[in-house]
Amino acid sequence: MIIAVFVLVILNILATACVALLLIRRTSGSEGTQVQDAVRAGNAELRQELGTQRTELRQGMGEVRTELDAKLTAMAEANANRHLQVQVLLQQEMEKLRAGNEAKLEKMRETVDEKLQGTLEKRLGDSFELVSKRLEMVQKGLGEMQSLAQDVGGLKRVLTNVKSRGSWGEVQLARQLEDILTAEQYEQNVAVVPGSREVVEFAVILPGRDAGTIYLPIDSKLPQEDYERLLDAQEHGDKAAIAAAGKALDRAILEQAKLISSKYIAPPYSTDFAIMYLPTEGLFAEVVRSPGLASKLQTEHRVLVTGPTTLMSLLNSLQMGFRTLAIEKRSSEVWQVLSAAKEEFRKYGDVWDKLGKQLATAQNTVRDAGTRTRAVERKLKDVQTLEVAAQGDVLSSLLPDA
């Protein structure tokens, strides 16, 4: 405010000085001197007044500065007090928030503990129940294993009996034949030679000449004792016992091959060889592994040794041969059908030729009719053409009444 007043005073002084200068320029002589004296006196007064105003302005500026310092100090103190109040308020609110959070966290911890306890108890109960059920199943399985052990003991007793052991091999052989061949392709308990009492367990029926049949004998053998002695010797690693057991097994297989060759190989009623079926792959492997045994059985006794897998391959080959033979038998019928179809097709061609001739005759008739029509038109060309209404009257007079 004081600064604005000071500025206004200076502006007034400057305006007065400008007016005085203008007056001095316009006056001359004594009047100009008087004016200049008056101006100088005015300037002195102005300087004195400016000094006074300057002094007052300085005093006013000091008072304003003091007042501003006091106000700034008061504002700083007020701001400090407010800052302290805000800090105290924030601390109180933080304490309230911390207390509320602690209470909520405690409540959440209690809830989580309760749920965890319930879940843990439930899981433990379910686990104990599951363990109890599994223990019951294990106990039940142990009972079944005991029953199975008893059944295995019974099976062992069955296999120690020669007759029962042969029946087991026969059943296994029958199952393989049923799986691969049809009922018309093999027979059971067959007397290969007519009138003979020697009956082979199974025989595959092969087609012969002049619509006859030839049997392929298949007999199952299981020298269980010799094979078990060989396995025991191999388990203990006794080389001498292994060699002795192997020779005993070879002798047993050779004796069975001699029996099969003498009883069931009788051409032309049977094939020139027979099949010895060994029900286990392990026994078949031991026989094949014996040096020269399989070759000796084939060359000297005409007996082919097979296991479950090799017999299945052999039967599959025979089945493919049966299918090929059936196709060959049916091929002659196919040729007969084709010949009959060829004859019928020739007759069908004759019918088409006859139809073509008839169509040609009809076409000639139509052509002749067209020729006669054009001849009549040429004859009627000079006849005068009547009007359409007159034509209708003439036609109505000529035609009978409807």
Protein backbone atom coordinates (compact mmCIF):
# COMPACT_ATOMS: atom_id res chain seq x y z
CA MET A 1 0.00 0.00 0.00
CA ILE A 2 2.78 2.44 0.95
CA ILE A 3 4.70 1.59 -2.19
CA ALA A 4 1.68 2.41 -4.32
CA VAL A 5 1.26 5.81 -2.58
CA PHE A 6 4.96 6.55 -3.11
CA VAL A 7 4.69 5.71 -6.77
CA LEU A 8 1.66 8.01 -7.13
CA VAL A 9 3.53 10.92 -5.46
CA ILE A 10 6.50 10.45 -7.79
CA LEU A 11 4.16 10.41 -10.76
CA ASN A 12 2.53 13.65 -9.58
CA ILE A 13 5.94 15.28 -9.14
CA LEU A 14 7.02 14.19 -12.59
CA ALA A 15 3.79 15.53 -14.04
CA THR A 16 4.28 18.87 -12.27
CA ALA A 17 7.87 19.09 -13.49
CA CYS A 18 6.76 18.40 -17.04
CA VAL A 19 4.13 21.13 -16.83
CA ALA A 20 6.70 23.57 -15.44
CA LEU A 21 9.11 22.78 -18.23
CA LEU A 22 6.43 23.41 -20.78
CA LEU A 23 5.58 26.72 -19.14
CA ILE A 24 9.25 27.73 -19.12
CA ARG A 25 9.58 27.03 -22.80
CA ARG A 26 6.48 29.06 -23.62
CA THR A 27 7.47 32.12 -21.49
CA SER A 28 10.40 34.40 -22.13
CA GLY A 29 12.24 37.25 -20.43
CA SER A 30 11.48 38.26 -16.89
CA GLU A 31 8.45 36.10 -16.81
CA GLY A 32 10.62 33.12 -17.69
CA THR A 33 13.01 34.01 -14.92
CA GLN A 34 10.18 34.27 -12.45
CA VAL A 35 8.85 31.01 -13.61
CA GLN A 36 12.23 29.39 -13.32
CA ASP A 37 12.60 30.75 -9.79
CA ALA A 38 9.18 29.44 -9.01
CA VAL A 39 10.14 26.11 -10.52
CA ARG A 40 13.32 25.98 -8.55
CA ALA A 41 11.42 26.81 -5.37
CA GLY A 42 8.89 24.14 -6.34
CA ASN A 43 11.69 21.70 -6.96
CA ALA A 44 13.21 22.45 -3.58
CA GLU A 45 9.85 21.93 -1.98
CA LEU A 46 9.44 18.77 -3.97
CA ARG A 47 12.85 17.53 -2.92
CA GLN A 48 12.02 18.32 0.68
CA GLU A 49 8.67 16.62 0.31
CA LEU A 50 10.30 13.66 -1.44
CA GLY A 51 12.81 13.37 1.36
CA THR A 52 10.01 13.50 3.86
CA GLN A 53 8.04 10.91 1.86
CA ARG A 54 11.15 8.77 1.56
CA THR A 55 11.71 8.92 5.30
CA GLU A 56 8.08 8.07 5.92
CA LEU A 57 8.31 5.34 3.29
CA ARG A 58 11.34 3.85 5.01
CA GLN A 59 9.60 3.97 8.33
CA GLY A 60 6.51 2.42 6.75
CA MET A 61 8.64 -0.24 5.07
CA GLY A 62 10.27 -1.05 8.43
CA GLU A 63 6.89 -1.28 10.08
CA VAL A 64 5.61 -3.48 7.25
CA ARG A 65 8.71 -5.68 7.47
CA THR A 66 8.29 -5.98 11.24
CA GLU A 67 4.62 -6.77 10.78
CA LEU A 68 5.43 -9.31 8.07
CA ASP A 69 8.08 -10.92 10.25
CA ALA A 70 5.62 -11.16 13.10
CA LYS A 71 2.95 -12.62 10.82
CA LEU A 72 5.43 -15.11 9.31
CA THR A 73 6.59 -16.12 12.77
CA ALA A 74 3.00 -16.58 13.86
CA MET A 75 2.23 -18.56 10.73
CA ALA A 76 5.30 -20.76 11.28
CA GLU A 77 4.28 -21.36 14.89
CA ALA A 78 0.72 -22.13 13.75
CA ASN A 79 2.01 -24.50 11.08
CA ALA A 80 4.26 -26.21 13.60
CA ASN A 81 1.35 -26.57 16.00
CA ARG A 82 -0.86 -27.93 13.22
CA HIS A 83 1.91 -30.30 12.14
CA LEU A 84 2.20 -31.56 15.70
CA GLN A 85 -1.56 -31.94 15.88
CA VAL A 86 -1.58 -33.81 12.58
CA GLN A 87 1.23 -36.07 13.79
CA VAL A 88 -0.62 -36.78 17.01
CA LEU A 89 -3.83 -37.44 15.07
CA LEU A 90 -2.03 -39.72 12.60
CA GLN A 91 -0.37 -41.59 15.45
CA GLN A 92 -3.73 -42.04 17.14
CA GLU A 93 -5.32 -43.25 13.89
CA MET A 94 -2.39 -45.61 13.28
CA GLU A 95 -2.77 -47.00 16.78
CA LYS A 96 -6.48 -47.53 16.16
CA LEU A 97 -5.77 -49.14 12.78
CA ARG A 98 -3.08 -51.39 14.29
CA ALA A 99 -5.39 -52.42 17.10
CA GLY A 100 -8.18 -53.15 14.60
CA ASN A 101 -5.84 -55.14 12.36
CA GLU A 102 -4.54 -57.12 15.30
CA ALA A 103 -8.08 -57.92 16.35
CA LYS A 104 -9.04 -58.97 12.81
CA LEU A 105 -5.87 -61.03 12.43
CA GLU A 106 -6.53 -62.75 15.71
CA LYS A 107 -10.05 -63.51 14.62
CA MET A 108 -8.81 -64.80 11.26
CA ARG A 109 -6.17 -66.93 13.01
CA GLU A 110 -8.84 -68.44 15.25
CA THR A 111 -11.04 -69.14 12.22
CA VAL A 112 -8.15 -70.66 10.28
CA ASP A 113 -7.14 -72.77 13.27
CA GLU A 114 -10.69 -74.03 13.61
CA LYS A 115 -10.91 -74.88 9.90
CA LEU A 116 -7.47 -76.48 9.88
CA GLN A 117 -8.34 -78.52 12.91
CA GLY A 118 -11.61 -79.67 11.34
CA THR A 119 -9.95 -80.40 8.00
CA LEU A 120 -7.08 -82.23 9.70
CA GLU A 121 -9.45 -84.32 11.76
CA LYS A 122 -11.52 -85.11 8.65
CA ARG A 123 -8.45 -85.99 6.59
CA LEU A 124 -7.05 -88.14 9.37
CA GLY A 125 -10.40 -89.88 9.70
CA ASP A 126 -10.57 -90.48 5.96
CA SER A 127 -6.96 -91.68 5.92
CA PHE A 128 -7.55 -94.08 8.77
CA GLU A 129 -10.71 -95.32 7.07
CA LEU A 130 -8.82 -95.79 3.79
CA VAL A 131 -5.98 -97.56 5.58
CA SER A 132 -8.51 -99.81 7.30
CA LYS A 133 -10.12 -100.66 3.97
CA ARG A 134 -6.74 -101.33 2.39
CA LEU A 135 -5.76 -103.54 5.31
CA GLU A 136 -9.00 -105.43 4.87
CA MET A 137 -8.23 -105.78 1.15
CA VAL A 138 -4.69 -106.93 1.97
CA GLN A 139 -6.07 -109.45 4.40
CA LYS A 140 -8.53 -110.60 1.80
CA GLY A 141 -5.72 -110.79 -0.77
CA LEU A 142 -3.67 -112.86 1.65
CA GLY A 143 -6.59 -115.24 1.94
CA GLU A 144 -6.82 -115.40 -1.85
CA MET A 145 -3.08 -115.98 -2.05
CA GLN A 146 -3.40 -118.83 0.39
CA SER A 147 -6.16 -120.27 -1.76
CA LEU A 148 -3.98 -119.72 -4.83
CA ALA A 149 -1.10 -121.45 -3.08
CA GLN A 150 -3.37 -124.37 -2.41
CA ASP A 151 -4.44 -124.31 -6.07
CA VAL A 152 -0.78 -124.20 -7.13
CA GLY A 153 -0.12 -127.17 -4.91
CA GLY A 154 -3.03 -128.94 -6.55
CA LEU A 155 -1.67 -128.00 -9.96
CA LYS A 156 1.72 -129.34 -8.97
CA ARG A 157 0.11 -132.58 -7.88
CA VAL A 158 -1.73 -132.68 -11.20
CA LEU A 159 1.48 -132.09 -13.15
CA THR A 160 3.30 -134.80 -11.24
CA ASN A 161 0.68 -137.27 -12.45
CA VAL A 162 1.61 -138.40 -15.95
CA LYS A 163 -1.99 -138.89 -17.07
CA SER A 164 -3.14 -135.52 -15.71
CA ARG A 165 -0.10 -133.81 -17.17
CA GLY A 166 -0.92 -135.22 -20.59
CA SER A 167 -4.52 -134.04 -20.24
CA TRP A 168 -3.32 -130.53 -19.43
CA GLY A 169 -1.13 -130.41 -22.56
CA GLU A 170 -4.01 -131.82 -24.61
CA VAL A 171 -6.37 -129.12 -23.34
CA GLN A 172 -3.87 -126.38 -24.20
CA LEU A 173 -3.37 -127.85 -27.68
CA ALA A 174 -7.14 -128.04 -28.19
CA ARG A 175 -7.51 -124.38 -27.22
CA GLN A 176 -4.94 -123.27 -29.82
CA LEU A 177 -6.55 -125.34 -32.56
CA GLU A 178 -9.98 -123.88 -31.71
CA ASP A 179 -8.61 -120.36 -31.84
CA ILE A 180 -7.06 -120.65 -35.31
CA LEU A 181 -8.78 -123.45 -37.28
CA THR A 182 -12.43 -124.20 -37.90
CA ALA A 183 -14.15 -127.34 -36.64
CA GLU A 184 -14.08 -128.86 -40.15
CA GLN A 185 -10.30 -128.41 -40.50
CA TYR A 186 -9.17 -130.75 -37.67
CA GLU A 187 -10.34 -133.80 -35.70
CA GLN A 188 -9.72 -135.12 -32.19
CA ASN A 189 -8.76 -138.67 -31.21
CA VAL A 190 -8.21 -139.80 -34.80
CA ALA A 191 -7.22 -143.30 -35.93
CA VAL A 192 -4.88 -142.34 -38.76
CA VAL A 193 -4.68 -145.83 -40.23
CA PRO A 194 -8.14 -147.32 -40.87
CA GLY A 195 -8.80 -150.23 -38.48
CA SER A 196 -5.85 -149.36 -36.20
CA ARG A 197 -6.17 -148.93 -32.43
CA GLU A 198 -3.51 -146.23 -32.30
CA VAL A 199 -5.33 -142.91 -31.84
CA VAL A 200 -3.57 -139.55 -32.07
CA GLU A 201 -4.79 -136.65 -29.92
CA PHE A 202 -5.39 -134.23 -32.81
CA ALA A 203 -4.98 -134.31 -36.58
CA VAL A 204 -5.32 -131.49 -39.09
CA ILE A 205 -7.31 -132.48 -42.19
CA LEU A 206 -5.39 -131.71 -45.38
CA PRO A 207 -6.89 -132.06 -48.87
CA GLY A 208 -5.57 -135.05 -50.86
CA ARG A 209 -5.92 -136.30 -54.40
CA ASP A 210 -9.23 -137.48 -55.82
CA ALA A 211 -11.20 -135.54 -53.17
CA GLY A 212 -9.55 -137.56 -50.39
CA THR A 213 -8.08 -136.36 -47.09
CA ILE A 214 -4.67 -136.65 -45.46
CA TYR A 215 -4.11 -136.24 -41.72
CA LEU A 216 -1.35 -134.19 -40.10
CA PRO A 217 -0.84 -135.82 -36.64
CA ILE A 218 -0.23 -133.52 -33.66
CA ASP A 219 0.58 -135.05 -30.26
CA SER A 220 1.39 -133.16 -27.02
CA LYS A 221 4.23 -134.31 -24.75
CA LEU A 222 5.45 -132.96 -21.39
CA PRO A 223 8.43 -134.73 -19.74
CA GLN A 224 8.00 -132.73 -16.54
CA GLU A 225 10.39 -134.64 -14.24
CA ASP A 226 13.40 -134.40 -16.57
CA TYR A 227 12.69 -130.74 -17.25
CA GLU A 228 12.41 -129.90 -13.52
CA ARG A 229 15.68 -131.68 -12.79
CA LEU A 230 17.34 -129.60 -15.50
CA LEU A 231 15.93 -126.38 -14.04
CA ASP A 232 17.11 -127.28 -10.53
CA ALA A 233 20.61 -128.05 -11.82
CA GLN A 234 20.70 -124.73 -13.69
CA GLU A 235 19.53 -122.88 -10.59
CA HIS A 236 22.29 -124.39 -8.45
CA GLY A 237 24.91 -123.93 -11.20
CA ASP A 238 26.09 -127.53 -11.13
CA LYS A 239 27.58 -128.18 -14.56
CA ALA A 240 27.72 -131.96 -14.16
CA ALA A 241 24.09 -132.08 -13.04
CA ILE A 242 23.11 -129.77 -15.90
CA ALA A 243 24.81 -132.04 -18.44
CA ALA A 244 23.21 -135.18 -16.95
CA ALA A 245 19.74 -133.61 -16.78
CA GLY A 246 20.09 -132.34 -20.36
CA LYS A 247 20.98 -135.78 -21.65
CA ALA A 248 18.05 -137.32 -19.75
CA LEU A 249 15.69 -134.74 -21.29
CA ASP A 250 17.10 -135.46 -24.78
CA ARG A 251 16.51 -139.20 -24.27
CA ALA A 252 12.93 -138.59 -23.14
CA ILE A 253 12.21 -136.42 -26.18
CA LEU A 254 13.78 -139.01 -28.52
CA GLU A 255 11.67 -141.79 -27.01
CA GLN A 256 8.49 -139.78 -27.46
CA ALA A 257 9.48 -138.95 -31.05
CA LYS A 258 9.99 -142.66 -31.78
CA LEU A 259 6.53 -143.45 -30.45
CA ILE A 260 4.91 -140.71 -32.55
CA SER A 261 6.77 -141.82 -35.67
CA SER A 262 5.85 -145.49 -35.25
CA LYS A 263 2.19 -144.93 -34.33
CA TYR A 264 0.92 -141.97 -36.33
CA ILE A 265 3.08 -141.51 -39.46
CA ALA A 266 1.51 -143.76 -42.10
CA PRO A 267 1.44 -142.35 -45.65
CA PRO A 268 -0.75 -142.12 -47.72
CA TYR A 269 -3.23 -141.81 -44.83
CA SER A 270 -1.08 -139.21 -43.09
CA THR A 271 1.62 -136.76 -43.99
CA ASP A 272 5.24 -137.83 -44.11
CA PHE A 273 5.89 -136.07 -40.80
CA ALA A 274 4.16 -135.46 -37.47
CA ILE A 275 4.21 -132.64 -34.91
CA MET A 276 5.29 -132.98 -31.27
CA TYR A 277 3.71 -130.20 -29.22
CA LEU A 278 5.52 -129.03 -26.06
CA PRO A 279 3.07 -127.00 -23.90
CA THR A 280 5.64 -124.61 -22.38
CA GLU A 281 8.00 -122.22 -24.08
CA GLY A 282 10.76 -123.01 -21.59
CA LEU A 283 10.71 -126.71 -22.41
CA PHE A 284 10.64 -125.95 -26.14
CA ALA A 285 13.63 -123.61 -25.72
CA GLU A 286 15.64 -126.27 -23.91
CA VAL A 287 14.89 -128.83 -26.64
CA VAL A 288 15.81 -126.43 -29.43
CA ARG A 289 18.95 -125.34 -27.60
CA SER A 290 20.22 -128.91 -27.33
CA PRO A 291 22.83 -129.35 -30.11
CA GLY A 292 21.52 -131.42 -33.03
CA LEU A 293 18.40 -132.67 -31.24
CA ALA A 294 15.77 -130.88 -33.37
CA SER A 295 17.59 -131.81 -36.58
CA LYS A 296 17.84 -135.45 -35.48
CA LEU A 297 14.12 -135.56 -34.71
CA GLN A 298 13.26 -134.26 -38.18
CA THR A 299 15.73 -136.34 -40.24
CA GLU A 300 15.60 -139.67 -38.40
CA HIS A 301 12.10 -139.74 -36.91
CA ARG A 302 10.32 -137.19 -39.14
CA VAL A 303 8.95 -135.36 -36.11
CA LEU A 304 8.75 -131.56 -35.96
CA VAL A 305 9.04 -130.08 -32.43
CA THR A 306 6.88 -126.99 -31.75
CA GLY A 307 6.05 -124.80 -28.79
CA PRO A 308 2.93 -122.66 -28.28
CA THR A 309 4.25 -119.80 -30.43
CA THR A 310 5.69 -121.88 -33.26
CA LEU A 311 2.56 -124.04 -33.41
CA MET A 312 0.44 -120.91 -33.73
CA SER A 313 2.60 -119.71 -36.63
CA LEU A 314 2.34 -123.12 -38.31
CA LEU A 315 -1.43 -123.22 -37.91
CA ASN A 316 -1.74 -119.71 -39.31
CA SER A 317 0.24 -120.82 -42.37
CA LEU A 318 -2.03 -123.83 -42.80
CA GLN A 319 -5.07 -121.60 -42.48
CA MET A 320 -3.76 -119.34 -45.25
CA GLY A 321 -3.20 -122.44 -47.40
CA PHE A 322 -6.77 -123.57 -46.76
CA ARG A 323 -8.05 -120.19 -47.84
CA THR A 324 -5.92 -120.24 -50.99
CA LEU A 325 -7.23 -123.71 -51.83
CA ALA A 326 -10.81 -122.57 -51.27
CA ILE A 327 -10.21 -119.65 -53.60
CA GLU A 328 -8.83 -122.01 -56.27
CA LYS A 329 -11.87 -124.26 -55.95
CA ARG A 330 -14.18 -121.32 -56.27
CA SER A 331 -12.28 -119.94 -59.26
CA SER A 332 -13.69 -122.64 -61.57
CA GLU A 333 -17.19 -121.66 -60.51
CA VAL A 334 -16.32 -118.05 -61.22
CA TRP A 335 -15.18 -118.97 -64.73
CA GLN A 336 -18.45 -120.81 -65.34
CA VAL A 337 -20.43 -117.80 -64.17
CA LEU A 338 -18.35 -115.56 -66.45
CA SER A 339 -18.98 -117.88 -69.41
CA ALA A 340 -22.72 -117.82 -68.78
CA ALA A 341 -22.60 -114.04 -68.44
CA LYS A 342 -20.70 -113.82 -71.73
CA GLU A 343 -23.40 -115.88 -73.51
CA GLU A 344 -26.16 -113.76 -72.01
CA PHE A 345 -24.33 -110.60 -73.04
CA ARG A 346 -24.07 -111.91 -76.62
CA LYS A 347 -27.84 -112.49 -76.64
CA TYR A 348 -28.29 -109.02 -75.24
CA GLY A 349 -26.26 -107.65 -78.17
CA ASP A 350 -28.47 -109.54 -80.63
CA VAL A 351 -31.53 -107.92 -79.06
CA TRP A 352 -29.96 -104.50 -79.48
CA ASP A 353 -29.19 -105.26 -83.14
CA LYS A 354 -32.81 -106.30 -83.72
CA LEU A 355 -34.03 -103.17 -82.00
CA GLY A 356 -31.69 -101.05 -84.16
CA LYS A 357 -33.15 -102.64 -87.33
CA GLN A 358 -36.71 -101.97 -86.15
CA LEU A 359 -35.79 -98.36 -85.36
CA ALA A 360 -34.22 -97.99 -88.82
CA THR A 361 -37.45 -99.37 -90.42
CA ALA A 362 -39.54 -96.88 -88.39
CA GLN A 363 -37.21 -94.08 -89.43
CA ASN A 364 -37.63 -95.03 -93.11
CA THR A 365 -41.43 -95.07 -92.67
CA VAL A 366 -41.34 -91.61 -91.12
CA ARG A 367 -39.11 -90.40 -93.97
CA ASP A 368 -41.61 -91.80 -96.56
CA ALA A 369 -44.50 -90.09 -94.74
CA GLY A 370 -42.62 -86.78 -94.86
CA THR A 371 -42.01 -87.26 -98.58
CA ARG A 372 -45.73 -87.91 -99.23
CA THR A 373 -46.62 -84.86 -97.11
CA ARG A 374 -44.39 -82.59 -99.18
CA ALA A 375 -45.90 -84.06 -102.41
CA VAL A 376 -49.44 -83.24 -101.19
CA GLU A 377 -48.30 -79.74 -100.26
CA ARG A 378 -46.95 -79.24 -103.76
CA LYS A 379 -50.32 -80.35 -105.20
CA LEU A 380 -52.22 -77.93 -102.96
CA LYS A 381 -49.86 -75.04 -103.57
CA ASP A 382 -52.10 -73.47 -106.27
CA VAL A 383 -55.27 -73.69 -104.18
CA GLN A 384 -56.51 -70.23 -103.15
CA THR A 385 -56.07 -69.48 -99.45
CA LEU A 386 -59.23 -68.36 -97.64
CA GLU A 387 -59.52 -65.92 -94.81
CA VAL A 388 -59.28 -67.22 -91.29
CA ALA A 389 -63.02 -66.72 -90.56
CA ALA A 390 -63.97 -68.35 -93.84
CA GLN A 391 -61.75 -71.28 -93.08
CA GLY A 392 -63.50 -71.74 -89.79
CA ASP A 393 -66.92 -71.69 -91.46
CA VAL A 394 -65.85 -74.18 -94.09
CA LEU A 395 -64.37 -76.55 -91.51
CA SER A 396 -67.47 -76.30 -89.30
CA SER A 397 -69.69 -77.12 -92.26
CA LEU A 398 -67.56 -80.07 -93.22
CA LEU A 399 -67.08 -81.51 -89.74
CA PRO A 400 -69.99 -83.28 -88.09
CA ASP A 401 -71.67 -81.65 -85.12
CA ALA A 402 -70.09 -82.37 -81.75
